[in-house]
Amino acid sequence: MTFRGRRADLMLGAYQWYARRAAIHPKSKTGRKFSAFGEGSIMCFPPAALFGERAIRVGRDTMIGPYVSLSAGMAPTQELLSDRIVEIGDRVLIGRNSSIVGHFHIVIEDDVFFGPNVYVTDQNHAFDDLQTPIGKQSMPEEPVRIGAGSWIGTNSVVLPE
């Protein structure tokens, strides 16, 4: 093996070592910030964004892929409406690059599988007034529930009804 090949192997090994240790799990400093982070669960390194961990519950034996964003609440100074805005069940698999953005209440029941690049939110925008930009037309927040055993395919978007 060439010097370049050995160096590449060493760099890959070092990255894998770091990624395993940087993952979020029930006993990690970040894992303890969550409302609950179930035994046997892991959030792979690197996460894309984490916000409002104290209002996020992760069940047991759940795997959250790399580059996943989990968010609960609107802003750091906002009083949370509930101590559990995002609830992720047991044995859930969330594919890489997915986002779960909860403002009101999102429940992902047990044994749900997400493909990569899935976006779930409980907030949406109206488009009734053609003179007002869509981003300034909000709708009432409604809870989102994804039933047990569901499969959410690659590039799906889940919104409230």
N, C-alpha and C. Protein backbone atom coordinates (compact mmCIF):
# COMPACT_ATOMS: atom_id res chain seq x y z
N MET A 1 0.84 -1.17 0.00
CA MET A 1 0.00 0.00 0.00
C MET A 1 0.89 1.24 0.00
N THR A 2 0.46 2.24 -0.74
CA THR A 2 1.23 3.47 -0.85
C THR A 2 1.07 4.33 0.41
N PHE A 3 1.94 5.31 0.52
CA PHE A 3 1.86 6.24 1.64
C PHE A 3 0.50 6.94 1.65
N ARG A 4 0.05 7.36 0.45
CA ARG A 4 -1.25 8.03 0.35
C ARG A 4 -2.38 7.12 0.81
N GLY A 5 -2.33 5.87 0.43
CA GLY A 5 -3.36 4.91 0.83
C GLY A 5 -3.37 4.71 2.34
N ARG A 6 -2.18 4.59 2.95
CA ARG A 6 -2.10 4.43 4.41
C ARG A 6 -2.61 5.67 5.12
N ARG A 7 -2.23 6.83 4.59
CA ARG A 7 -2.69 8.09 5.19
C ARG A 7 -4.21 8.20 5.10
N ALA A 8 -4.78 7.84 3.96
CA ALA A 8 -6.24 7.89 3.81
C ALA A 8 -6.91 6.94 4.78
N ASP A 9 -6.36 5.73 4.94
CA ASP A 9 -6.92 4.77 5.90
C ASP A 9 -6.85 5.31 7.33
N LEU A 10 -5.74 5.93 7.68
CA LEU A 10 -5.59 6.51 9.02
C LEU A 10 -6.59 7.65 9.25
N MET A 11 -6.76 8.49 8.25
CA MET A 11 -7.70 9.60 8.38
C MET A 11 -9.13 9.09 8.51
N LEU A 12 -9.49 8.09 7.72
CA LEU A 12 -10.83 7.51 7.81
C LEU A 12 -11.04 6.87 9.18
N GLY A 13 -10.04 6.14 9.65
CA GLY A 13 -10.13 5.52 10.97
C GLY A 13 -10.29 6.55 12.07
N ALA A 14 -9.54 7.65 11.97
CA ALA A 14 -9.64 8.71 12.98
C ALA A 14 -11.02 9.36 12.95
N TYR A 15 -11.55 9.59 11.75
CA TYR A 15 -12.89 10.18 11.64
C TYR A 15 -13.94 9.25 12.23
N GLN A 16 -13.87 7.96 11.90
CA GLN A 16 -14.84 7.00 12.43
C GLN A 16 -14.75 6.91 13.96
N TRP A 17 -13.53 6.94 14.50
CA TRP A 17 -13.34 6.92 15.95
C TRP A 17 -14.02 8.14 16.57
N TYR A 18 -13.77 9.32 15.99
CA TYR A 18 -14.34 10.56 16.50
C TYR A 18 -15.86 10.55 16.37
N ALA A 19 -16.38 10.10 15.22
CA ALA A 19 -17.83 10.09 15.00
C ALA A 19 -18.54 9.20 16.02
N ARG A 20 -17.95 8.06 16.36
CA ARG A 20 -18.56 7.17 17.36
C ARG A 20 -18.60 7.86 18.72
N ARG A 21 -17.55 8.56 19.07
CA ARG A 21 -17.49 9.20 20.38
C ARG A 21 -18.29 10.51 20.44
N ALA A 22 -18.50 11.14 19.29
CA ALA A 22 -19.24 12.40 19.26
C ALA A 22 -20.75 12.19 19.10
N ALA A 23 -21.17 10.97 18.85
CA ALA A 23 -22.61 10.68 18.72
C ALA A 23 -23.32 10.99 20.03
N ILE A 24 -24.59 11.33 19.93
CA ILE A 24 -25.41 11.62 21.11
C ILE A 24 -26.09 10.34 21.55
N HIS A 25 -26.01 10.05 22.83
CA HIS A 25 -26.62 8.84 23.39
C HIS A 25 -27.16 9.19 24.78
N PRO A 26 -27.86 8.26 25.44
CA PRO A 26 -28.52 8.61 26.72
C PRO A 26 -27.61 9.18 27.79
N LYS A 27 -26.35 8.77 27.81
CA LYS A 27 -25.45 9.22 28.88
C LYS A 27 -24.55 10.37 28.47
N SER A 28 -24.65 10.80 27.21
CA SER A 28 -23.81 11.92 26.77
C SER A 28 -24.35 13.23 27.35
N LYS A 29 -23.51 14.24 27.40
CA LYS A 29 -23.90 15.53 27.95
C LYS A 29 -25.11 16.09 27.19
N THR A 30 -25.09 16.00 25.87
CA THR A 30 -26.22 16.50 25.08
C THR A 30 -27.44 15.61 25.24
N GLY A 31 -27.25 14.30 25.31
CA GLY A 31 -28.37 13.37 25.49
C GLY A 31 -29.14 13.64 26.77
N ARG A 32 -28.44 14.08 27.80
CA ARG A 32 -29.10 14.37 29.08
C ARG A 32 -29.92 15.66 29.04
N LYS A 33 -29.75 16.48 28.01
CA LYS A 33 -30.54 17.71 27.87
C LYS A 33 -31.96 17.43 27.36
N PHE A 34 -32.16 16.27 26.74
CA PHE A 34 -33.47 15.93 26.18
C PHE A 34 -34.46 15.63 27.29
N SER A 35 -35.74 15.79 27.01
CA SER A 35 -36.79 15.39 27.95
C SER A 35 -36.61 13.93 28.32
N ALA A 36 -36.29 13.11 27.32
CA ALA A 36 -35.92 11.70 27.52
C ALA A 36 -35.11 11.28 26.31
N PHE A 37 -34.13 10.43 26.54
CA PHE A 37 -33.32 9.87 25.45
C PHE A 37 -33.13 8.41 25.81
N GLY A 38 -33.94 7.55 25.18
CA GLY A 38 -34.06 6.15 25.57
C GLY A 38 -32.80 5.33 25.46
N GLU A 39 -32.73 4.32 26.31
CA GLU A 39 -31.62 3.37 26.32
C GLU A 39 -31.49 2.74 24.94
N GLY A 40 -30.27 2.62 24.47
CA GLY A 40 -30.00 2.00 23.18
C GLY A 40 -30.21 2.92 21.99
N SER A 41 -30.58 4.18 22.24
CA SER A 41 -30.80 5.14 21.15
C SER A 41 -29.52 5.91 20.87
N ILE A 42 -29.42 6.41 19.64
CA ILE A 42 -28.23 7.16 19.23
C ILE A 42 -28.63 8.19 18.19
N MET A 43 -28.00 9.36 18.26
CA MET A 43 -28.09 10.36 17.22
C MET A 43 -26.69 10.48 16.64
N CYS A 44 -26.56 10.06 15.39
CA CYS A 44 -25.24 9.97 14.76
C CYS A 44 -24.60 11.34 14.59
N PHE A 45 -23.29 11.34 14.53
CA PHE A 45 -22.50 12.54 14.30
C PHE A 45 -22.35 12.73 12.80
N PRO A 46 -22.43 13.94 12.30
CA PRO A 46 -22.77 15.16 13.02
C PRO A 46 -24.26 15.45 12.92
N PRO A 47 -24.84 16.01 13.98
CA PRO A 47 -26.22 16.49 13.85
C PRO A 47 -26.20 17.78 13.02
N ALA A 48 -27.28 18.08 12.32
CA ALA A 48 -27.34 19.33 11.56
C ALA A 48 -27.67 20.49 12.49
N ALA A 49 -28.71 20.32 13.29
CA ALA A 49 -29.12 21.37 14.23
C ALA A 49 -29.94 20.74 15.34
N LEU A 50 -29.76 21.25 16.54
CA LEU A 50 -30.56 20.84 17.70
C LEU A 50 -31.05 22.09 18.39
N PHE A 51 -32.34 22.11 18.70
CA PHE A 51 -32.92 23.27 19.37
C PHE A 51 -34.08 22.80 20.23
N GLY A 52 -34.13 23.22 21.46
CA GLY A 52 -35.24 22.89 22.35
C GLY A 52 -35.23 21.45 22.83
N GLU A 53 -34.04 20.92 23.10
CA GLU A 53 -33.92 19.51 23.49
C GLU A 53 -34.80 19.15 24.68
N ARG A 54 -35.02 20.07 25.60
CA ARG A 54 -35.80 19.75 26.80
C ARG A 54 -37.26 19.44 26.48
N ALA A 55 -37.71 19.75 25.25
CA ALA A 55 -39.08 19.45 24.84
C ALA A 55 -39.12 18.33 23.79
N ILE A 56 -38.01 17.58 23.67
CA ILE A 56 -37.92 16.48 22.71
C ILE A 56 -37.72 15.19 23.48
N ARG A 57 -38.56 14.20 23.19
CA ARG A 57 -38.45 12.88 23.81
C ARG A 57 -38.09 11.87 22.72
N VAL A 58 -37.02 11.10 22.96
CA VAL A 58 -36.59 10.04 22.05
C VAL A 58 -36.76 8.72 22.79
N GLY A 59 -37.45 7.77 22.16
CA GLY A 59 -37.70 6.47 22.78
C GLY A 59 -36.47 5.57 22.78
N ARG A 60 -36.69 4.29 23.10
CA ARG A 60 -35.61 3.30 23.18
C ARG A 60 -35.26 2.76 21.80
N ASP A 61 -33.98 2.37 21.66
CA ASP A 61 -33.48 1.69 20.46
C ASP A 61 -33.81 2.44 19.18
N THR A 62 -33.72 3.74 19.22
CA THR A 62 -33.99 4.61 18.07
C THR A 62 -32.68 5.09 17.49
N MET A 63 -32.61 5.12 16.16
CA MET A 63 -31.40 5.61 15.49
C MET A 63 -31.76 6.83 14.65
N ILE A 64 -31.08 7.93 14.95
CA ILE A 64 -31.26 9.18 14.23
C ILE A 64 -29.98 9.39 13.43
N GLY A 65 -30.11 9.42 12.12
CA GLY A 65 -28.96 9.47 11.23
C GLY A 65 -28.19 10.78 11.31
N PRO A 66 -27.07 10.85 10.58
CA PRO A 66 -26.27 12.08 10.57
C PRO A 66 -26.99 13.20 9.82
N TYR A 67 -26.63 14.41 10.13
CA TYR A 67 -27.16 15.61 9.49
C TYR A 67 -28.67 15.78 9.69
N VAL A 68 -29.20 15.25 10.78
CA VAL A 68 -30.62 15.40 11.09
C VAL A 68 -30.81 16.61 12.00
N SER A 69 -31.84 17.40 11.72
CA SER A 69 -32.20 18.55 12.56
C SER A 69 -33.41 18.19 13.40
N LEU A 70 -33.33 18.45 14.70
CA LEU A 70 -34.46 18.29 15.61
C LEU A 70 -34.69 19.64 16.27
N SER A 71 -35.93 20.14 16.20
CA SER A 71 -36.22 21.45 16.75
C SER A 71 -37.58 21.43 17.45
N ALA A 72 -37.63 22.02 18.64
CA ALA A 72 -38.89 22.14 19.39
C ALA A 72 -39.01 23.57 19.91
N GLY A 73 -40.08 24.25 19.54
CA GLY A 73 -40.28 25.63 19.96
C GLY A 73 -39.95 26.60 18.84
N MET A 74 -40.16 27.87 19.12
CA MET A 74 -39.97 28.90 18.09
C MET A 74 -38.67 29.68 18.25
N ALA A 75 -38.34 30.04 19.49
CA ALA A 75 -37.16 30.86 19.73
C ALA A 75 -36.68 30.60 21.16
N PRO A 76 -35.41 30.87 21.43
CA PRO A 76 -34.88 30.59 22.76
C PRO A 76 -35.65 31.25 23.90
N THR A 77 -36.25 32.42 23.65
CA THR A 77 -36.96 33.11 24.72
C THR A 77 -38.44 32.74 24.79
N GLN A 78 -38.93 31.95 23.84
CA GLN A 78 -40.34 31.56 23.83
C GLN A 78 -40.64 30.58 24.95
N GLU A 79 -41.73 30.81 25.65
CA GLU A 79 -42.18 29.85 26.64
C GLU A 79 -42.80 28.68 25.90
N LEU A 80 -42.36 27.47 26.22
CA LEU A 80 -42.86 26.29 25.53
C LEU A 80 -44.29 25.99 25.96
N LEU A 81 -45.11 25.60 24.99
CA LEU A 81 -46.50 25.27 25.26
C LEU A 81 -46.63 23.95 26.00
N SER A 82 -45.63 23.11 25.87
CA SER A 82 -45.68 21.77 26.45
C SER A 82 -44.26 21.34 26.77
N ASP A 83 -44.12 20.40 27.69
CA ASP A 83 -42.79 19.87 27.97
C ASP A 83 -42.42 18.79 26.96
N ARG A 84 -43.38 18.39 26.13
CA ARG A 84 -43.09 17.43 25.06
C ARG A 84 -43.71 17.93 23.76
N ILE A 85 -42.91 18.59 22.97
CA ILE A 85 -43.38 19.09 21.68
C ILE A 85 -43.11 18.04 20.61
N VAL A 86 -41.94 17.41 20.64
CA VAL A 86 -41.59 16.36 19.68
C VAL A 86 -41.41 15.06 20.46
N GLU A 87 -42.18 14.04 20.09
CA GLU A 87 -42.08 12.72 20.72
C GLU A 87 -41.75 11.69 19.64
N ILE A 88 -40.62 11.04 19.80
CA ILE A 88 -40.16 10.01 18.86
C ILE A 88 -40.21 8.69 19.61
N GLY A 89 -40.91 7.71 19.04
CA GLY A 89 -41.14 6.44 19.73
C GLY A 89 -39.94 5.52 19.77
N ASP A 90 -40.21 4.28 20.14
CA ASP A 90 -39.20 3.23 20.24
C ASP A 90 -38.93 2.63 18.85
N ARG A 91 -37.67 2.24 18.63
CA ARG A 91 -37.26 1.53 17.42
C ARG A 91 -37.56 2.32 16.14
N VAL A 92 -37.41 3.63 16.22
CA VAL A 92 -37.62 4.50 15.06
C VAL A 92 -36.28 4.70 14.37
N LEU A 93 -36.30 4.76 13.05
CA LEU A 93 -35.11 5.05 12.26
C LEU A 93 -35.38 6.32 11.46
N ILE A 94 -34.55 7.33 11.68
CA ILE A 94 -34.69 8.60 10.96
C ILE A 94 -33.48 8.75 10.05
N GLY A 95 -33.73 8.78 8.74
CA GLY A 95 -32.67 8.83 7.75
C GLY A 95 -31.92 10.15 7.72
N ARG A 96 -30.73 10.10 7.20
CA ARG A 96 -29.85 11.26 7.14
C ARG A 96 -30.52 12.44 6.44
N ASN A 97 -30.10 13.63 6.84
CA ASN A 97 -30.57 14.90 6.27
C ASN A 97 -32.05 15.17 6.50
N SER A 98 -32.67 14.50 7.43
CA SER A 98 -34.08 14.74 7.72
C SER A 98 -34.21 15.88 8.74
N SER A 99 -35.41 16.46 8.79
CA SER A 99 -35.69 17.54 9.74
C SER A 99 -37.04 17.32 10.39
N ILE A 100 -37.09 17.49 11.70
CA ILE A 100 -38.34 17.44 12.45
C ILE A 100 -38.42 18.77 13.20
N VAL A 101 -39.38 19.60 12.80
CA VAL A 101 -39.50 20.96 13.33
C VAL A 101 -40.86 21.09 14.00
N GLY A 102 -40.87 21.05 15.32
CA GLY A 102 -42.12 21.10 16.08
C GLY A 102 -42.31 22.43 16.78
N HIS A 103 -43.49 23.01 16.58
CA HIS A 103 -43.87 24.23 17.29
C HIS A 103 -44.98 23.94 18.29
N PHE A 104 -45.81 22.96 17.97
CA PHE A 104 -46.99 22.64 18.78
C PHE A 104 -46.89 21.21 19.32
N HIS A 105 -47.01 20.20 18.45
CA HIS A 105 -46.89 18.82 18.91
C HIS A 105 -46.74 17.87 17.72
N ILE A 106 -45.65 17.10 17.72
CA ILE A 106 -45.40 16.07 16.72
C ILE A 106 -45.18 14.76 17.46
N VAL A 107 -45.90 13.71 17.05
CA VAL A 107 -45.72 12.38 17.62
C VAL A 107 -45.34 11.44 16.49
N ILE A 108 -44.21 10.77 16.65
CA ILE A 108 -43.80 9.70 15.73
C ILE A 108 -43.87 8.43 16.56
N GLU A 109 -44.83 7.58 16.24
CA GLU A 109 -45.06 6.38 17.04
C GLU A 109 -43.95 5.34 16.81
N ASP A 110 -44.06 4.21 17.50
CA ASP A 110 -43.04 3.15 17.46
C ASP A 110 -42.88 2.55 16.06
N ASP A 111 -41.66 2.08 15.79
CA ASP A 111 -41.34 1.29 14.59
C ASP A 111 -41.58 2.04 13.29
N VAL A 112 -41.36 3.33 13.28
CA VAL A 112 -41.49 4.15 12.07
C VAL A 112 -40.12 4.27 11.42
N PHE A 113 -40.07 4.17 10.10
CA PHE A 113 -38.83 4.32 9.34
C PHE A 113 -38.95 5.52 8.41
N PHE A 114 -37.96 6.41 8.46
CA PHE A 114 -37.85 7.54 7.53
C PHE A 114 -36.73 7.23 6.55
N GLY A 115 -36.97 7.48 5.27
CA GLY A 115 -35.88 7.50 4.31
C GLY A 115 -35.08 8.78 4.53
N PRO A 116 -34.07 9.03 3.71
CA PRO A 116 -33.31 10.28 3.85
C PRO A 116 -34.13 11.48 3.36
N ASN A 117 -33.76 12.65 3.86
CA ASN A 117 -34.32 13.92 3.40
C ASN A 117 -35.82 14.06 3.65
N VAL A 118 -36.30 13.59 4.78
CA VAL A 118 -37.72 13.73 5.13
C VAL A 118 -37.87 14.99 5.99
N TYR A 119 -38.93 15.75 5.75
CA TYR A 119 -39.21 16.97 6.51
C TYR A 119 -40.58 16.84 7.16
N VAL A 120 -40.62 17.00 8.49
CA VAL A 120 -41.88 16.92 9.24
C VAL A 120 -42.03 18.19 10.06
N THR A 121 -43.19 18.83 9.96
CA THR A 121 -43.47 20.01 10.78
C THR A 121 -44.95 20.06 11.11
N ASP A 122 -45.27 20.75 12.18
CA ASP A 122 -46.67 20.93 12.58
C ASP A 122 -47.15 22.34 12.27
N GLN A 123 -46.41 23.07 11.47
CA GLN A 123 -46.78 24.44 11.12
C GLN A 123 -46.82 24.56 9.60
N ASN A 124 -47.71 25.40 9.11
CA ASN A 124 -47.83 25.60 7.68
C ASN A 124 -48.20 27.06 7.43
N HIS A 125 -48.27 27.45 6.19
CA HIS A 125 -48.64 28.82 5.83
C HIS A 125 -49.86 28.79 4.92
N ALA A 126 -50.71 29.78 5.08
CA ALA A 126 -51.86 29.93 4.20
C ALA A 126 -51.42 30.66 2.93
N PHE A 127 -52.28 30.67 1.96
CA PHE A 127 -52.01 31.42 0.73
C PHE A 127 -53.30 32.04 0.20
N ASP A 128 -54.20 32.41 1.13
CA ASP A 128 -55.50 32.97 0.76
C ASP A 128 -55.40 34.39 0.21
N ASP A 129 -54.55 35.21 0.81
CA ASP A 129 -54.44 36.61 0.43
C ASP A 129 -53.31 36.76 -0.59
N LEU A 130 -53.68 37.02 -1.84
CA LEU A 130 -52.68 37.10 -2.90
C LEU A 130 -51.80 38.34 -2.78
N GLN A 131 -52.19 39.31 -1.97
CA GLN A 131 -51.41 40.53 -1.79
C GLN A 131 -50.37 40.41 -0.68
N THR A 132 -50.47 39.35 0.12
CA THR A 132 -49.56 39.16 1.26
C THR A 132 -48.64 37.98 0.97
N PRO A 133 -47.35 38.14 1.18
CA PRO A 133 -46.44 37.01 0.96
C PRO A 133 -46.85 35.79 1.78
N ILE A 134 -46.70 34.62 1.21
CA ILE A 134 -47.10 33.37 1.87
C ILE A 134 -46.43 33.24 3.24
N GLY A 135 -45.17 33.62 3.34
CA GLY A 135 -44.44 33.50 4.59
C GLY A 135 -45.02 34.32 5.73
N LYS A 136 -45.86 35.31 5.40
CA LYS A 136 -46.49 36.14 6.43
C LYS A 136 -47.92 35.72 6.74
N GLN A 137 -48.39 34.66 6.08
CA GLN A 137 -49.74 34.15 6.30
C GLN A 137 -49.65 32.82 7.04
N SER A 138 -49.82 32.87 8.34
CA SER A 138 -49.73 31.61 9.07
C SER A 138 -51.10 31.00 9.28
N MET A 139 -51.10 29.72 9.51
CA MET A 139 -52.31 28.96 9.80
C MET A 139 -52.22 28.50 11.25
N PRO A 140 -53.35 28.14 11.84
CA PRO A 140 -53.29 27.60 13.21
C PRO A 140 -52.43 26.34 13.24
N GLU A 141 -51.61 26.23 14.28
CA GLU A 141 -50.78 25.04 14.41
C GLU A 141 -51.66 23.86 14.79
N GLU A 142 -51.39 22.72 14.18
CA GLU A 142 -52.13 21.50 14.46
C GLU A 142 -51.13 20.39 14.73
N PRO A 143 -51.49 19.45 15.59
CA PRO A 143 -50.56 18.35 15.86
C PRO A 143 -50.39 17.45 14.65
N VAL A 144 -49.25 16.80 14.59
CA VAL A 144 -48.96 15.82 13.54
C VAL A 144 -48.67 14.50 14.24
N ARG A 145 -49.29 13.43 13.75
CA ARG A 145 -49.05 12.09 14.30
C ARG A 145 -48.73 11.15 13.15
N ILE A 146 -47.60 10.46 13.26
CA ILE A 146 -47.22 9.44 12.29
C ILE A 146 -47.40 8.10 12.98
N GLY A 147 -48.30 7.28 12.45
CA GLY A 147 -48.70 6.03 13.10
C GLY A 147 -47.62 4.97 13.14
N ALA A 148 -47.75 4.08 14.12
CA ALA A 148 -46.79 2.99 14.33
C ALA A 148 -46.62 2.17 13.06
N GLY A 149 -45.38 1.81 12.77
CA GLY A 149 -45.07 0.95 11.64
C GLY A 149 -45.06 1.64 10.29
N SER A 150 -45.18 2.96 10.27
CA SER A 150 -45.21 3.70 8.99
C SER A 150 -43.83 3.75 8.35
N TRP A 151 -43.83 3.87 7.04
CA TRP A 151 -42.62 4.08 6.27
C TRP A 151 -42.79 5.41 5.55
N ILE A 152 -41.90 6.36 5.79
CA ILE A 152 -41.94 7.66 5.13
C ILE A 152 -40.77 7.68 4.15
N GLY A 153 -41.08 7.72 2.86
CA GLY A 153 -40.06 7.58 1.82
C GLY A 153 -39.18 8.80 1.64
N THR A 154 -38.10 8.60 0.91
CA THR A 154 -37.11 9.62 0.61
C THR A 154 -37.77 10.89 0.06
N ASN A 155 -37.30 12.03 0.54
CA ASN A 155 -37.73 13.36 0.08
C ASN A 155 -39.20 13.67 0.37
N SER A 156 -39.81 13.01 1.33
CA SER A 156 -41.21 13.29 1.69
C SER A 156 -41.30 14.50 2.61
N VAL A 157 -42.45 15.18 2.54
CA VAL A 157 -42.76 16.29 3.43
C VAL A 157 -44.07 15.95 4.13
N VAL A 158 -44.07 16.03 5.46
CA VAL A 158 -45.27 15.74 6.25
C VAL A 158 -45.69 17.03 6.94
N LEU A 159 -46.92 17.47 6.64
CA LEU A 159 -47.48 18.71 7.19
C LEU A 159 -48.78 18.38 7.92
N PRO A 160 -49.26 19.31 8.76
CA PRO A 160 -50.57 19.08 9.38
C PRO A 160 -51.66 19.12 8.30
N GLU A 161 -52.81 18.53 8.63
CA GLU A 161 -53.92 18.50 7.66
C GLU A 161 -54.43 19.87 7.35
